[in-house]
Amino acid sequence: MNATETAERLAHLSEGLLFISESEYPLEQFLWQAADLTPETILTRSGKPMDTSIEEISLDDFFAPVATEEDWHDDEDRKNVQRFQKLVKALSALENIQVFKLGKVEIEVYMVGAIGKDLVGLKTTVIET
């Protein structure tokens, strides 16, 4: 699967999903052609200043709150957990998958991996106070 097809698949898998933190935000697919997977690239491509706080976390740690089924979940919650699990599996297939959190409090999150020389992934926003 090439980068464009992968980006389309991620868009399809994430359609209608909201990442829940202290607020709810959609997941948006992106494709950056001919880019290196570095924190500097993430800051540049996201339009953030180079002095923006950036933290790297694991894909599993980031998705644990939404991809782990709980006893108190209802049927709709369970369906969303399954959708998030499929999304994590698709993201895990990318080369060198990384998760970058940019900023503080209202944080932009980039889940990004490589397909050849291109970068593909998802972005969302989380609120952490």
Protein backbone atom coordinates (compact mmCIF):
# COMPACT_ATOMS: atom_id res chain seq x y z
CA MET A 1 0.00 0.00 0.00
CA ASN A 2 1.44 3.38 -0.96
CA ALA A 3 1.29 6.56 1.16
CA THR A 4 -1.84 7.93 -0.52
CA GLU A 5 -3.73 4.65 -0.08
CA THR A 6 -2.59 4.42 3.53
CA ALA A 7 -3.72 7.99 4.23
CA GLU A 8 -7.12 7.20 2.70
CA ARG A 9 -7.40 4.05 4.82
CA LEU A 10 -6.59 6.01 7.99
CA ALA A 11 -9.19 8.63 7.04
CA HIS A 12 -11.78 5.88 6.56
CA LEU A 13 -10.93 4.10 9.85
CA SER A 14 -11.02 7.35 11.85
CA GLU A 15 -14.15 8.80 10.23
CA GLY A 16 -16.58 9.90 12.92
CA LEU A 17 -14.31 8.94 15.82
CA LEU A 18 -13.69 11.51 18.52
CA PHE A 19 -10.65 11.34 20.77
CA ILE A 20 -11.87 11.98 24.29
CA SER A 21 -9.73 13.82 26.81
CA GLU A 22 -11.11 16.72 28.81
CA SER A 23 -12.89 17.53 25.55
CA GLU A 24 -13.65 15.66 22.32
CA TYR A 25 -11.81 16.26 19.05
CA PRO A 26 -11.89 14.48 15.69
CA LEU A 27 -8.94 12.66 14.18
CA GLU A 28 -7.67 14.21 10.96
CA GLN A 29 -5.57 12.33 8.42
CA PHE A 30 -2.50 13.93 6.81
CA LEU A 31 0.15 13.05 4.24
CA TRP A 32 3.46 14.89 4.08
CA GLN A 33 5.49 14.05 0.99
CA ALA A 34 9.27 13.69 1.09
CA ALA A 35 9.74 14.46 4.77
CA ASP A 36 12.03 13.11 7.50
CA LEU A 37 10.45 11.86 10.71
CA THR A 38 12.00 14.21 13.26
CA PRO A 39 10.58 16.50 15.95
CA GLU A 40 11.74 19.47 13.85
CA THR A 41 9.74 18.23 10.85
CA ILE A 42 6.63 17.84 13.03
CA LEU A 43 7.00 21.40 14.33
CA THR A 44 7.66 22.83 10.86
CA ARG A 45 4.85 20.96 9.09
CA SER A 46 2.38 21.76 11.87
CA GLY A 47 3.23 25.47 11.67
CA LYS A 48 4.43 25.64 15.26
CA PRO A 49 7.43 27.70 16.44
CA MET A 50 10.63 25.73 17.05
CA ASP A 51 10.48 26.49 20.79
CA THR A 52 7.09 24.74 21.16
CA SER A 53 7.09 22.06 23.85
CA ILE A 54 7.22 18.61 22.20
CA GLU A 55 6.94 15.24 23.92
CA GLU A 56 7.10 11.78 22.39
CA ILE A 57 4.97 8.96 23.80
CA SER A 58 4.18 5.45 22.64
CA LEU A 59 1.21 4.70 20.41
CA ASP A 60 -0.18 2.22 22.95
CA ASP A 61 0.10 4.69 25.83
CA PHE A 62 -1.63 7.40 23.83
CA PHE A 63 -4.55 5.20 22.74
CA ALA A 64 -4.96 3.24 26.01
CA PRO A 65 -7.80 5.45 27.33
CA VAL A 66 -9.93 4.94 24.19
CA ALA A 67 -8.80 1.48 22.98
CA THR A 68 -9.25 -0.42 26.24
CA GLU A 69 -12.63 -1.94 27.01
CA GLU A 70 -13.99 -1.27 30.49
CA ASP A 71 -16.70 -3.10 32.48
CA TRP A 72 -18.86 0.01 32.57
CA HIS A 73 -18.88 0.49 28.76
CA ASP A 74 -22.20 0.24 26.96
CA ASP A 75 -22.62 -1.26 23.46
CA GLU A 76 -21.74 2.01 21.69
CA ASP A 77 -18.62 2.44 23.83
CA ARG A 78 -17.53 -1.13 22.99
CA LYS A 79 -17.99 -0.47 19.26
CA ASN A 80 -15.84 2.66 19.53
CA VAL A 81 -13.16 0.74 21.44
CA GLN A 82 -13.10 -1.85 18.64
CA ARG A 83 -12.81 0.91 16.02
CA PHE A 84 -9.93 2.50 17.93
CA GLN A 85 -8.23 -0.91 18.18
CA LYS A 86 -8.46 -1.32 14.38
CA LEU A 87 -7.05 2.18 13.96
CA VAL A 88 -4.11 1.43 16.28
CA LYS A 89 -3.40 -1.75 14.31
CA ALA A 90 -3.35 0.22 11.04
CA LEU A 91 -1.07 2.89 12.53
CA SER A 92 1.23 0.20 13.96
CA ALA A 93 1.84 -1.06 10.42
CA LEU A 94 3.59 2.21 9.51
CA GLU A 95 7.38 2.32 9.59
CA ASN A 96 8.80 3.95 12.73
CA ILE A 97 5.40 5.01 14.12
CA GLN A 98 5.75 7.81 16.67
CA VAL A 99 3.38 9.99 18.65
CA PHE A 100 4.27 13.63 19.28
CA LYS A 101 2.42 15.93 21.68
CA LEU A 102 2.91 19.64 20.89
CA GLY A 103 2.24 22.35 23.44
CA LYS A 104 0.69 22.38 26.88
CA VAL A 105 -2.95 22.28 28.05
CA GLU A 106 -4.48 22.42 24.53
CA ILE A 107 -2.13 19.92 22.91
CA GLU A 108 -1.91 18.98 19.24
CA VAL A 109 -1.06 15.30 18.88
CA TYR A 110 0.53 13.82 15.75
CA MET A 111 0.57 10.04 15.24
CA VAL A 112 2.98 9.67 12.34
CA GLY A 113 4.94 7.00 10.54
CA ALA A 114 6.73 6.55 7.25
CA ILE A 115 5.80 4.93 3.97
CA GLY A 116 8.98 5.11 1.92
CA LYS A 117 10.05 8.77 1.90
CA ASP A 118 6.60 10.10 2.84
CA LEU A 119 5.04 10.62 6.26
CA VAL A 120 1.44 9.69 6.91
CA GLY A 121 -0.68 9.76 10.03
CA LEU A 122 -3.38 11.36 12.08
CA LYS A 123 -3.60 14.45 14.21
CA THR A 124 -5.99 15.43 16.95
CA THR A 125 -6.18 17.74 19.93
CA VAL A 126 -6.31 16.80 23.60
CA ILE A 127 -6.90 18.99 26.62
CA GLU A 128 -4.74 18.27 29.68
CA THR A 129 -5.08 20.60 32.65
